[in-house]
Amino acid sequence: MLPVWLGIGGLVALGLHYDVDRSVIAGSVVVVGLVSNAFAWLLGIVALVPVIGPFIVKVLSIGFVWLLNAVGYLVSYIAIRRGYSKDVLTYRGLTVALIIGIVIGFVLGKLIG
C-alpha cells in the first residue's frame, strides 16, 4: 500500500501544480482510497502504535465523529457562500476542538477505566 499512497501523493502534487480543481482532486483521492482500501491500510498502521493506536482507530470509526464532521463541512459551505467567512473559522475551530476533546476523553477513559 505504500506505493499506492506515494502515487496518490504524487498525483495530488501534479494536480495542484497544474491547477486542477481541488474538488476533482479530493474526489479522486476518495475514490482511489476506497477502491484500493488505502484508508483501511492507513488505519491499520495507526493501530500498530502501542497502547494508544487501537483507541484512536476506534474513535475514528465512530459514526458520531463522522456525522459531526460532515455537518460541520455542510454548514461551513453554506456560511462561506453567504459571506460569513470569519464566523466559519471560529465554528470550525470549535468543531476541531470538540473532536479532539472526544478523542482524548475516549482514550483517557479506556486507559483509566
PDB file of N, CA and C in Angstrom:
ATOM      1  N   MET A   1       0.804  -1.206   0.000  1.00  0.00           N
ATOM      2  CA  MET A   1       0.000   0.000   0.000  1.00  0.00           C
ATOM      3  C   MET A   1       0.847   1.271   0.000  1.00  0.00           C
ATOM      4  N   LEU A   2       2.074   1.158   0.445  1.00  0.00           N
ATOM      5  CA  LEU A   2       2.926   2.348   0.456  1.00  0.00           C
ATOM      6  C   LEU A   2       3.100   2.931  -0.952  1.00  0.00           C
ATOM      7  N   PRO A   3       3.328   2.105  -1.986  1.00  0.00           N
ATOM      8  CA  PRO A   3       3.389   2.683  -3.333  1.00  0.00           C
ATOM      9  C   PRO A   3       2.074   3.355  -3.757  1.00  0.00           C
ATOM     10  N   VAL A   4       0.939   2.817  -3.295  1.00  0.00           N
ATOM     11  CA  VAL A   4      -0.348   3.438  -3.620  1.00  0.00           C
ATOM     12  C   VAL A   4      -0.430   4.825  -3.009  1.00  0.00           C
ATOM     13  N   TRP A   5      -0.047   4.956  -1.728  1.00  0.00           N
ATOM     14  CA  TRP A   5      -0.086   6.261  -1.076  1.00  0.00           C
ATOM     15  C   TRP A   5       0.922   7.220  -1.688  1.00  0.00           C
ATOM     16  N   LEU A   6       2.090   6.718  -2.082  1.00  0.00           N
ATOM     17  CA  LEU A   6       3.057   7.583  -2.769  1.00  0.00           C
ATOM     18  C   LEU A   6       2.506   8.044  -4.118  1.00  0.00           C
ATOM     19  N   GLY A   7       1.824   7.140  -4.809  1.00  0.00           N
ATOM     20  CA  GLY A   7       1.191   7.506  -6.077  1.00  0.00           C
ATOM     21  C   GLY A   7       0.089   8.540  -5.893  1.00  0.00           C
ATOM     22  N   ILE A   8      -0.725   8.352  -4.855  1.00  0.00           N
ATOM     23  CA  ILE A   8      -1.783   9.327  -4.563  1.00  0.00           C
ATOM     24  C   ILE A   8      -1.168  10.684  -4.265  1.00  0.00           C
ATOM     25  N   GLY A   9      -0.126  10.696  -3.439  1.00  0.00           N
ATOM     26  CA  GLY A   9       0.535  11.954  -3.099  1.00  0.00           C
ATOM     27  C   GLY A   9       1.149  12.623  -4.325  1.00  0.00           C
ATOM     28  N   GLY A  10       1.769  11.830  -5.188  1.00  0.00           N
ATOM     29  CA  GLY A  10       2.355  12.380  -6.410  1.00  0.00           C
ATOM     30  C   GLY A  10       1.308  12.959  -7.349  1.00  0.00           C
ATOM     31  N   LEU A  11       0.193  12.242  -7.499  1.00  0.00           N
ATOM     32  CA  LEU A  11      -0.870  12.748  -8.364  1.00  0.00           C
ATOM     33  C   LEU A  11      -1.521  14.005  -7.801  1.00  0.00           C
ATOM     34  N   VAL A  12      -1.650  14.076  -6.479  1.00  0.00           N
ATOM     35  CA  VAL A  12      -2.179  15.291  -5.864  1.00  0.00           C
ATOM     36  C   VAL A  12      -1.231  16.458  -6.110  1.00  0.00           C
ATOM     37  N   ALA A  13       0.062  16.218  -5.963  1.00  0.00           N
ATOM     38  CA  ALA A  13       1.042  17.282  -6.208  1.00  0.00           C
ATOM     39  C   ALA A  13       0.984  17.742  -7.666  1.00  0.00           C
ATOM     40  N   LEU A  14       0.877  16.809  -8.597  1.00  0.00           N
ATOM     41  CA  LEU A  14       0.761  17.180 -10.008  1.00  0.00           C
ATOM     42  C   LEU A  14      -0.521  17.959 -10.283  1.00  0.00           C
ATOM     43  N   GLY A  15      -1.613  17.514  -9.687  1.00  0.00           N
ATOM     44  CA  GLY A  15      -2.885  18.208  -9.865  1.00  0.00           C
ATOM     45  C   GLY A  15      -2.834  19.625  -9.341  1.00  0.00           C
ATOM     46  N   LEU A  16      -2.202  19.819  -8.187  1.00  0.00           N
ATOM     47  CA  LEU A  16      -2.070  21.171  -7.640  1.00  0.00           C
ATOM     48  C   LEU A  16      -1.126  22.017  -8.485  1.00  0.00           C
ATOM     49  N   HIS A  17      -0.084  21.393  -9.018  1.00  0.00           N
ATOM     50  CA  HIS A  17       0.873  22.123  -9.858  1.00  0.00           C
ATOM     51  C   HIS A  17       0.215  22.613 -11.149  1.00  0.00           C
ATOM     52  N   TYR A  18      -0.634  21.782 -11.740  1.00  0.00           N
ATOM     53  CA  TYR A  18      -1.290  22.135 -12.993  1.00  0.00           C
ATOM     54  C   TYR A  18      -2.662  22.777 -12.791  1.00  0.00           C
ATOM     55  N   ASP A  19      -2.941  23.242 -11.598  1.00  0.00           N
ATOM     56  CA  ASP A  19      -4.176  23.981 -11.264  1.00  0.00           C
ATOM     57  C   ASP A  19      -5.458  23.220 -11.601  1.00  0.00           C
ATOM     58  N   VAL A  20      -5.482  21.943 -11.289  1.00  0.00           N
ATOM     59  CA  VAL A  20      -6.706  21.164 -11.425  1.00  0.00           C
ATOM     60  C   VAL A  20      -7.622  21.553 -10.271  1.00  0.00           C
ATOM     61  N   ASP A  21      -8.927  21.550 -10.512  1.00  0.00           N
ATOM     62  CA  ASP A  21      -9.892  21.926  -9.479  1.00  0.00           C
ATOM     63  C   ASP A  21      -9.712  21.040  -8.247  1.00  0.00           C
ATOM     64  N   ARG A  22      -9.703  21.673  -7.088  1.00  0.00           N
ATOM     65  CA  ARG A  22      -9.435  20.934  -5.846  1.00  0.00           C
ATOM     66  C   ARG A  22     -10.520  19.912  -5.525  1.00  0.00           C
ATOM     67  N   SER A  23     -11.742  20.176  -5.900  1.00  0.00           N
ATOM     68  CA  SER A  23     -12.795  19.195  -5.641  1.00  0.00           C
ATOM     69  C   SER A  23     -12.597  17.940  -6.490  1.00  0.00           C
ATOM     70  N   VAL A  24     -12.058  18.100  -7.696  1.00  0.00           N
ATOM     71  CA  VAL A  24     -11.754  16.939  -8.537  1.00  0.00           C
ATOM     72  C   VAL A  24     -10.632  16.123  -7.907  1.00  0.00           C
ATOM     73  N   ILE A  25      -9.621  16.811  -7.378  1.00  0.00           N
ATOM     74  CA  ILE A  25      -8.504  16.117  -6.725  1.00  0.00           C
ATOM     75  C   ILE A  25      -9.005  15.364  -5.499  1.00  0.00           C
ATOM     76  N   ALA A  26      -9.805  16.031  -4.671  1.00  0.00           N
ATOM     77  CA  ALA A  26     -10.319  15.390  -3.449  1.00  0.00           C
ATOM     78  C   ALA A  26     -11.200  14.192  -3.784  1.00  0.00           C
ATOM     79  N   GLY A  27     -12.061  14.336  -4.763  1.00  0.00           N
ATOM     80  CA  GLY A  27     -12.913  13.221  -5.169  1.00  0.00           C
ATOM     81  C   GLY A  27     -12.118  12.046  -5.688  1.00  0.00           C
ATOM     82  N   SER A  28     -11.077  12.340  -6.457  1.00  0.00           N
ATOM     83  CA  SER A  28     -10.225  11.275  -6.978  1.00  0.00           C
ATOM     84  C   SER A  28      -9.500  10.534  -5.862  1.00  0.00           C
ATOM     85  N   VAL A  29      -9.010  11.283  -4.877  1.00  0.00           N
ATOM     86  CA  VAL A  29      -8.328  10.645  -3.746  1.00  0.00           C
ATOM     87  C   VAL A  29      -9.291   9.744  -2.979  1.00  0.00           C
ATOM     88  N   VAL A  30     -10.517  10.210  -2.769  1.00  0.00           N
ATOM     89  CA  VAL A  30     -11.508   9.400  -2.047  1.00  0.00           C
ATOM     90  C   VAL A  30     -11.823   8.129  -2.834  1.00  0.00           C
ATOM     91  N   VAL A  31     -12.039   8.256  -4.128  1.00  0.00           N
ATOM     92  CA  VAL A  31     -12.379   7.083  -4.941  1.00  0.00           C
ATOM     93  C   VAL A  31     -11.227   6.080  -4.959  1.00  0.00           C
ATOM     94  N   VAL A  32     -10.012   6.556  -5.221  1.00  0.00           N
ATOM     95  CA  VAL A  32      -8.851   5.652  -5.260  1.00  0.00           C
ATOM     96  C   VAL A  32      -8.611   5.038  -3.883  1.00  0.00           C
ATOM     97  N   GLY A  33      -8.767   5.831  -2.832  1.00  0.00           N
ATOM     98  CA  GLY A  33      -8.557   5.321  -1.481  1.00  0.00           C
ATOM     99  C   GLY A  33      -9.567   4.258  -1.087  1.00  0.00           C
ATOM    100  N   LEU A  34     -10.821   4.444  -1.500  1.00  0.00           N
ATOM    101  CA  LEU A  34     -11.851   3.451  -1.175  1.00  0.00           C
ATOM    102  C   LEU A  34     -11.722   2.193  -2.020  1.00  0.00           C
ATOM    103  N   VAL A  35     -11.424   2.358  -3.291  1.00  0.00           N
ATOM    104  CA  VAL A  35     -11.302   1.195  -4.177  1.00  0.00           C
ATOM    105  C   VAL A  35     -10.098   0.338  -3.794  1.00  0.00           C
ATOM    106  N   SER A  36      -8.996   0.986  -3.440  1.00  0.00           N
ATOM    107  CA  SER A  36      -7.776   0.229  -3.137  1.00  0.00           C
ATOM    108  C   SER A  36      -7.634  -0.133  -1.655  1.00  0.00           C
ATOM    109  N   ASN A  37      -8.587   0.247  -0.827  1.00  0.00           N
ATOM    110  CA  ASN A  37      -8.542   0.024   0.622  1.00  0.00           C
ATOM    111  C   ASN A  37      -7.344   0.702   1.273  1.00  0.00           C
ATOM    112  N   ALA A  38      -6.919   1.812   0.706  1.00  0.00           N
ATOM    113  CA  ALA A  38      -5.768   2.537   1.240  1.00  0.00           C
ATOM    114  C   ALA A  38      -6.080   3.151   2.599  1.00  0.00           C
ATOM    115  N   PHE A  39      -7.316   3.574   2.800  1.00  0.00           N
ATOM    116  CA  PHE A  39      -7.685   4.157   4.086  1.00  0.00           C
ATOM    117  C   PHE A  39      -7.673   3.109   5.192  1.00  0.00           C
ATOM    118  N   ALA A  40      -8.125   1.908   4.874  1.00  0.00           N
ATOM    119  CA  ALA A  40      -8.091   0.825   5.855  1.00  0.00           C
ATOM    120  C   ALA A  40      -6.651   0.477   6.218  1.00  0.00           C
ATOM    121  N   TRP A  41      -5.767   0.478   5.231  1.00  0.00           N
ATOM    122  CA  TRP A  41      -4.355   0.216   5.492  1.00  0.00           C
ATOM    123  C   TRP A  41      -3.763   1.292   6.387  1.00  0.00           C
ATOM    124  N   LEU A  42      -4.114   2.550   6.128  1.00  0.00           N
ATOM    125  CA  LEU A  42      -3.603   3.652   6.938  1.00  0.00           C
ATOM    126  C   LEU A  42      -4.098   3.536   8.380  1.00  0.00           C
ATOM    127  N   LEU A  43      -5.355   3.165   8.567  1.00  0.00           N
ATOM    128  CA  LEU A  43      -5.861   2.933   9.922  1.00  0.00           C
ATOM    129  C   LEU A  43      -5.160   1.749  10.575  1.00  0.00           C
ATOM    130  N   GLY A  44      -4.813   0.744   9.789  1.00  0.00           N
ATOM    131  CA  GLY A  44      -4.057  -0.389  10.325  1.00  0.00           C
ATOM    132  C   GLY A  44      -2.678   0.022  10.820  1.00  0.00           C
ATOM    133  N   ILE A  45      -2.037   0.925  10.100  1.00  0.00           N
ATOM    134  CA  ILE A  45      -0.727   1.439  10.521  1.00  0.00           C
ATOM    135  C   ILE A  45      -0.871   2.221  11.823  1.00  0.00           C
ATOM    136  N   VAL A  46      -1.916   3.038  11.932  1.00  0.00           N
ATOM    137  CA  VAL A  46      -2.147   3.798  13.172  1.00  0.00           C
ATOM    138  C   VAL A  46      -2.428   2.840  14.324  1.00  0.00           C
ATOM    139  N   ALA A  47      -3.156   1.755  14.053  1.00  0.00           N
ATOM    140  CA  ALA A  47      -3.491   0.785  15.097  1.00  0.00           C
ATOM    141  C   ALA A  47      -2.260   0.048  15.617  1.00  0.00           C
ATOM    142  N   LEU A  48      -1.173   0.042  14.864  1.00  0.00           N
ATOM    143  CA  LEU A  48       0.046  -0.631  15.310  1.00  0.00           C
ATOM    144  C   LEU A  48       0.787   0.125  16.410  1.00  0.00           C
ATOM    145  N   VAL A  49       0.454   1.402  16.594  1.00  0.00           N
ATOM    146  CA  VAL A  49       1.096   2.179  17.662  1.00  0.00           C
ATOM    147  C   VAL A  49       0.654   1.580  18.998  1.00  0.00           C
ATOM    148  N   PRO A  50       1.592   1.198  19.856  1.00  0.00           N
ATOM    149  CA  PRO A  50       1.205   0.543  21.107  1.00  0.00           C
ATOM    150  C   PRO A  50       0.322   1.423  21.987  1.00  0.00           C
ATOM    151  N   VAL A  51      -0.574   0.805  22.702  1.00  0.00           N
ATOM    152  CA  VAL A  51      -1.494   1.348  23.698  1.00  0.00           C
ATOM    153  C   VAL A  51      -2.493   2.327  23.107  1.00  0.00           C
ATOM    154  N   ILE A  52      -2.061   3.403  22.497  1.00  0.00           N
ATOM    155  CA  ILE A  52      -2.974   4.465  22.084  1.00  0.00           C
ATOM    156  C   ILE A  52      -3.516   4.257  20.670  1.00  0.00           C
ATOM    157  N   GLY A  53      -2.810   3.541  19.810  1.00  0.00           N
ATOM    158  CA  GLY A  53      -3.225   3.351  18.424  1.00  0.00           C
ATOM    159  C   GLY A  53      -4.596   2.714  18.249  1.00  0.00           C
ATOM    160  N   PRO A  54      -4.873   1.588  18.912  1.00  0.00           N
ATOM    161  CA  PRO A  54      -6.202   0.976  18.753  1.00  0.00           C
ATOM    162  C   PRO A  54      -7.339   1.877  19.236  1.00  0.00           C
ATOM    163  N   PHE A  55      -7.087   2.682  20.253  1.00  0.00           N
ATOM    164  CA  PHE A  55      -8.134   3.592  20.738  1.00  0.00           C
ATOM    165  C   PHE A  55      -8.421   4.688  19.718  1.00  0.00           C
ATOM    166  N   ILE A  56      -7.378   5.194  19.076  1.00  0.00           N
ATOM    167  CA  ILE A  56      -7.573   6.226  18.056  1.00  0.00           C
ATOM    168  C   ILE A  56      -8.371   5.665  16.884  1.00  0.00           C
ATOM    169  N   VAL A  57      -8.078   4.433  16.492  1.00  0.00           N
ATOM    170  CA  VAL A  57      -8.817   3.803  15.399  1.00  0.00           C
ATOM    171  C   VAL A  57     -10.281   3.610  15.790  1.00  0.00           C
ATOM    172  N   LYS A  58     -10.548   3.220  17.021  1.00  0.00           N
ATOM    173  CA  LYS A  58     -11.932   3.066  17.474  1.00  0.00           C
ATOM    174  C   LYS A  58     -12.678   4.384  17.419  1.00  0.00           C
ATOM    175  N   VAL A  59     -12.037   5.449  17.870  1.00  0.00           N
ATOM    176  CA  VAL A  59     -12.695   6.750  17.873  1.00  0.00           C
ATOM    177  C   VAL A  59     -12.946   7.232  16.448  1.00  0.00           C
ATOM    178  N   LEU A  60     -11.978   7.027  15.559  1.00  0.00           N
ATOM    179  CA  LEU A  60     -12.148   7.469  14.179  1.00  0.00           C
ATOM    180  C   LEU A  60     -13.241   6.688  13.461  1.00  0.00           C
ATOM    181  N   SER A  61     -13.556   5.509  13.933  1.00  0.00           N
ATOM    182  CA  SER A  61     -14.598   4.719  13.283  1.00  0.00           C
ATOM    183  C   SER A  61     -15.979   4.943  13.889  1.00  0.00           C
ATOM    184  N   ILE A  62     -16.081   5.786  14.904  1.00  0.00           N
ATOM    185  CA  ILE A  62     -17.386   6.092  15.493  1.00  0.00           C
ATOM    186  C   ILE A  62     -18.174   6.966  14.518  1.00  0.00           C
ATOM    187  N   GLY A  63     -19.381   6.570  14.242  1.00  0.00           N
ATOM    188  CA  GLY A  63     -20.210   7.304  13.287  1.00  0.00           C
ATOM    189  C   GLY A  63     -20.512   8.728  13.717  1.00  0.00           C
ATOM    190  N   PHE A  64     -20.595   8.963  15.031  1.00  0.00           N
ATOM    191  CA  PHE A  64     -20.901  10.310  15.521  1.00  0.00           C
ATOM    192  C   PHE A  64     -19.835  11.307  15.098  1.00  0.00           C
ATOM    193  N   VAL A  65     -18.575  10.908  15.151  1.00  0.00           N
ATOM    194  CA  VAL A  65     -17.487  11.799  14.754  1.00  0.00           C
ATOM    195  C   VAL A  65     -17.598  12.109  13.269  1.00  0.00           C
ATOM    196  N   TRP A  66     -17.918  11.106  12.458  1.00  0.00           N
ATOM    197  CA  TRP A  66     -18.086  11.323  11.019  1.00  0.00           C
ATOM    198  C   TRP A  66     -19.267  12.249  10.750  1.00  0.00           C
ATOM    199  N   LEU A  67     -20.362  12.016  11.461  1.00  0.00           N
ATOM    200  CA  LEU A  67     -21.552  12.849  11.280  1.00  0.00           C
ATOM    201  C   LEU A  67     -21.283  14.293  11.694  1.00  0.00           C
ATOM    202  N   LEU A  68     -20.605  14.482  12.817  1.00  0.00           N
ATOM    203  CA  LEU A  68     -20.286  15.823  13.294  1.00  0.00           C
ATOM    204  C   LEU A  68     -19.402  16.559  12.293  1.00  0.00           C
ATOM    205  N   ASN A  69     -18.428  15.881  11.752  1.00  0.00           N
ATOM    206  CA  ASN A  69     -17.536  16.493  10.771  1.00  0.00           C
ATOM    207  C   ASN A  69     -18.276  16.820   9.473  1.00  0.00           C
ATOM    208  N   ALA A  70     -19.145  15.929   9.031  1.00  0.00           N
ATOM    209  CA  ALA A  70     -19.906  16.169   7.794  1.00  0.00           C
ATOM    210  C   ALA A  70     -20.839  17.365   7.946  1.00  0.00           C
ATOM    211  N   VAL A  71     -21.517  17.456   9.071  1.00  0.00           N
ATOM    212  CA  VAL A  71     -22.398  18.597   9.310  1.00  0.00           C
ATOM    213  C   VAL A  71     -21.585  19.885   9.364  1.00  0.00           C
ATOM    214  N   GLY A  72     -20.408  19.827   9.957  1.00  0.00           N
ATOM    215  CA  GLY A  72     -19.532  20.997  10.016  1.00  0.00           C
ATOM    216  C   GLY A  72     -19.140  21.476   8.629  1.00  0.00           C
ATOM    217  N   TYR A  73     -18.802  20.553   7.741  1.00  0.00           N
ATOM    218  CA  TYR A  73     -18.445  20.941   6.380  1.00  0.00           C
ATOM    219  C   TYR A  73     -19.636  21.524   5.625  1.00  0.00           C
ATOM    220  N   LEU A  74     -20.804  20.939   5.814  1.00  0.00           N
ATOM    221  CA  LEU A  74     -22.009  21.438   5.146  1.00  0.00           C
ATOM    222  C   LEU A  74     -22.344  22.854   5.607  1.00  0.00           C
ATOM    223  N   VAL A  75     -22.329  23.070   6.906  1.00  0.00           N
ATOM    224  CA  VAL A  75     -22.614  24.395   7.445  1.00  0.00           C
ATOM    225  C   VAL A  75     -21.541  25.392   7.010  1.00  0.00           C
ATOM    226  N   SER A  76     -20.293  24.964   6.972  1.00  0.00           N
ATOM    227  CA  SER A  76     -19.210  25.841   6.519  1.00  0.00           C
ATOM    228  C   SER A  76     -19.424  26.267   5.077  1.00  0.00           C
ATOM    229  N   TYR A  77     -19.801  25.335   4.236  1.00  0.00           N
ATOM    230  CA  TYR A  77     -20.024  25.642   2.825  1.00  0.00           C
ATOM    231  C   TYR A  77     -21.133  26.675   2.661  1.00  0.00           C
ATOM    232  N   ILE A  78     -22.230  26.462   3.368  1.00  0.00           N
ATOM    233  CA  ILE A  78     -23.358  27.396   3.276  1.00  0.00           C
ATOM    234  C   ILE A  78     -22.979  28.766   3.827  1.00  0.00           C
ATOM    235  N   ALA A  79     -22.276  28.788   4.948  1.00  0.00           N
ATOM    236  CA  ALA A  79     -21.903  30.063   5.568  1.00  0.00           C
ATOM    237  C   ALA A  79     -20.902  30.833   4.705  1.00  0.00           C
ATOM    238  N   ILE A  80     -19.962  30.153   4.096  1.00  0.00           N
ATOM    239  CA  ILE A  80     -18.997  30.837   3.230  1.00  0.00           C
ATOM    240  C   ILE A  80     -19.703  31.428   2.023  1.00  0.00           C
ATOM    241  N   ARG A  81     -20.679  30.704   1.475  1.00  0.00           N
ATOM    242  CA  ARG A  81     -21.445  31.212   0.335  1.00  0.00           C
ATOM    243  C   ARG A  81     -22.206  32.487   0.694  1.00  0.00           C
ATOM    244  N   ARG A  82     -22.625  32.608   1.949  1.00  0.00           N
ATOM    245  CA  ARG A  82     -23.380  33.785   2.382  1.00  0.00           C
ATOM    246  C   ARG A  82     -22.496  34.900   2.917  1.00  0.00           C
ATOM    247  N   GLY A  83     -21.183  34.681   2.964  1.00  0.00           N
ATOM    248  CA  GLY A  83     -20.265  35.737   3.350  1.00  0.00           C
ATOM    249  C   GLY A  83     -19.861  35.763   4.815  1.00  0.00           C
ATOM    250  N   TYR A  84     -20.021  34.665   5.516  1.00  0.00           N
ATOM    251  CA  TYR A  84     -19.663  34.599   6.930  1.00  0.00           C
ATOM    252  C   TYR A  84     -18.333  33.869   7.128  1.00  0.00           C
ATOM    253  N   SER A  85     -17.322  34.248   6.384  1.00  0.00           N
ATOM    254  CA  SER A  85     -16.044  33.529   6.423  1.00  0.00           C
ATOM    255  C   SER A  85     -15.395  33.571   7.798  1.00  0.00           C
ATOM    256  N   LYS A  86     -15.426  34.712   8.466  1.00  0.00           N
ATOM    257  CA  LYS A  86     -14.793  34.832   9.778  1.00  0.00           C
ATOM    258  C   LYS A  86     -15.508  33.948  10.811  1.00  0.00           C
ATOM    259  N   ASP A  87     -16.833  33.903  10.736  1.00  0.00           N
ATOM    260  CA  ASP A  87     -17.596  33.043  11.647  1.00  0.00           C
ATOM    261  C   ASP A  87     -17.312  31.564  11.388  1.00  0.00           C
ATOM    262  N   VAL A  88     -17.075  31.221  10.122  1.00  0.00           N
ATOM    263  CA  VAL A  88     -16.774  29.830   9.775  1.00  0.00           C
ATOM    264  C   VAL A  88     -15.475  29.390  10.432  1.00  0.00           C
ATOM    265  N   LEU A  89     -14.476  30.278  10.441  1.00  0.00           N
ATOM    266  CA  LEU A  89     -13.206  29.935  11.088  1.00  0.00           C
ATOM    267  C   LEU A  89     -13.411  29.636  12.567  1.00  0.00           C
ATOM    268  N   THR A  90     -14.214  30.457  13.226  1.00  0.00           N
ATOM    269  CA  THR A  90     -14.494  30.226  14.640  1.00  0.00           C
ATOM    270  C   THR A  90     -15.233  28.901  14.835  1.00  0.00           C
ATOM    271  N   TYR A  91     -16.241  28.666  14.005  1.00  0.00           N
ATOM    272  CA  TYR A  91     -17.041  27.448  14.125  1.00  0.00           C
ATOM    273  C   TYR A  91     -16.199  26.202  13.872  1.00  0.00           C
ATOM    274  N   ARG A  92     -15.383  26.235  12.814  1.00  0.00           N
ATOM    275  CA  ARG A  92     -14.557  25.062  12.503  1.00  0.00           C
ATOM    276  C   ARG A  92     -13.516  24.826  13.591  1.00  0.00           C
ATOM    277  N   GLY A  93     -13.000  25.905  14.162  1.00  0.00           N
ATOM    278  CA  GLY A  93     -12.059  25.756  15.283  1.00  0.00           C
ATOM    279  C   GLY A  93     -12.711  25.076  16.460  1.00  0.00           C
ATOM    280  N   LEU A  94     -13.938  25.467  16.766  1.00  0.00           N
ATOM    281  CA  LEU A  94     -14.674  24.829  17.864  1.00  0.00           C
ATOM    282  C   LEU A  94     -14.977  23.366  17.548  1.00  0.00           C
ATOM    283  N   THR A  95     -15.317  23.080  16.305  1.00  0.00           N
ATOM    284  CA  THR A  95     -15.609  21.697  15.921  1.00  0.00           C
ATOM    285  C   THR A  95     -14.368  20.821  16.045  1.00  0.00           C
ATOM    286  N   VAL A  96     -13.244  21.322  15.578  1.00  0.00           N
ATOM    287  CA  VAL A  96     -11.995  20.554  15.684  1.00  0.00           C
ATOM    288  C   VAL A  96     -11.628  20.348  17.153  1.00  0.00           C
ATOM    289  N   ALA A  97     -11.814  21.391  17.971  1.00  0.00           N
ATOM    290  CA  ALA A  97     -11.527  21.256  19.398  1.00  0.00           C
ATOM    291  C   ALA A  97     -12.441  20.218  20.043  1.00  0.00           C
ATOM    292  N   LEU A  98     -13.709  20.198  19.641  1.00  0.00           N
ATOM    293  CA  LEU A  98     -14.653  19.216  20.180  1.00  0.00           C
ATOM    294  C   LEU A  98     -14.259  17.796  19.785  1.00  0.00           C
ATOM    295  N   ILE A  99     -13.883  17.603  18.529  1.00  0.00           N
ATOM    296  CA  ILE A  99     -13.481  16.267  18.074  1.00  0.00           C
ATOM    297  C   ILE A  99     -12.214  15.813  18.784  1.00  0.00           C
ATOM    298  N   ILE A 100     -11.256  16.718  18.933  1.00  0.00           N
ATOM    299  CA  ILE A 100     -10.023  16.368  19.666  1.00  0.00           C
ATOM    300  C   ILE A 100     -10.344  16.041  21.118  1.00  0.00           C
ATOM    301  N   GLY A 101     -11.250  16.799  21.717  1.00  0.00           N
ATOM    302  CA  GLY A 101     -11.667  16.516  23.094  1.00  0.00           C
ATOM    303  C   GLY A 101     -12.330  15.156  23.227  1.00  0.00           C
ATOM    304  N   ILE A 102     -13.153  14.796  22.242  1.00  0.00           N
ATOM    305  CA  ILE A 102     -13.798  13.476  22.259  1.00  0.00           C
ATOM    306  C   ILE A 102     -12.748  12.378  22.166  1.00  0.00           C
ATOM    307  N   VAL A 103     -11.782  12.550  21.286  1.00  0.00           N
ATOM    308  CA  VAL A 103     -10.717  11.543  21.129  1.00  0.00           C
ATOM    309  C   VAL A 103      -9.921  11.413  22.414  1.00  0.00           C
ATOM    310  N   ILE A 104      -9.494  12.531  22.987  1.00  0.00           N
ATOM    311  CA  ILE A 104      -8.706  12.488  24.236  1.00  0.00           C
ATOM    312  C   ILE A 104      -9.529  11.880  25.364  1.00  0.00           C
ATOM    313  N   GLY A 105     -10.784  12.277  25.486  1.00  0.00           N
ATOM    314  CA  GLY A 105     -11.643  11.725  26.536  1.00  0.00           C
ATOM    315  C   GLY A 105     -11.848  10.229  26.370  1.00  0.00           C
ATOM    316  N   PHE A 106     -12.047   9.765  25.154  1.00  0.00           N
ATOM    317  CA  PHE A 106     -12.240   8.350  24.905  1.00  0.00           C
ATOM    318  C   PHE A 106     -10.994   7.561  25.265  1.00  0.00           C
ATOM    319  N   VAL A 107      -9.828   8.061  24.829  1.00  0.00           N
ATOM    320  CA  VAL A 107      -8.573   7.369  25.109  1.00  0.00           C
ATOM    321  C   VAL A 107      -8.296   7.347  26.607  1.00  0.00           C
ATOM    322  N   LEU A 108      -8.451   8.479  27.286  1.00  0.00           N
ATOM    323  CA  LEU A 108      -8.237   8.503  28.728  1.00  0.00           C
ATOM    324  C   LEU A 108      -9.225   7.609  29.476  1.00  0.00           C
ATOM    325  N   GLY A 109     -10.470   7.606  29.024  1.00  0.00           N
ATOM    326  CA  GLY A 109     -11.463   6.734  29.648  1.00  0.00           C
ATOM    327  C   GLY A 109     -11.116   5.258  29.522  1.00  0.00           C
ATOM    328  N   LYS A 110     -10.592   4.873  28.360  1.00  0.00           N
ATOM    329  CA  LYS A 110     -10.198   3.477  28.159  1.00  0.00           C
ATOM    330  C   LYS A 110      -8.940   3.131  28.959  1.00  0.00           C
ATOM    331  N   LEU A 111      -8.006   4.096  29.065  1.00  0.00           N
ATOM    332  CA  LEU A 111      -6.782   3.826  29.804  1.00  0.00           C
ATOM    333  C   LEU A 111      -7.008   3.783  31.310  1.00  0.00           C
ATOM    334  N   ILE A 112      -7.854   4.669  31.816  1.00  0.00           N
ATOM    335  CA  ILE A 112      -8.088   4.748  33.269  1.00  0.00           C
ATOM    336  C   ILE A 112      -9.078   3.681  33.717  1.00  0.00           C
ATOM    337  N   GLY A 113     -10.146   3.522  32.956  1.00  0.00           N
ATOM    338  CA  GLY A 113     -11.224   2.617  33.381  1.00  0.00           C
ATOM    339  C   GLY A 113     -11.009   1.262  32.967  1.00  0.00           C
TER     340      GLY A 113
END
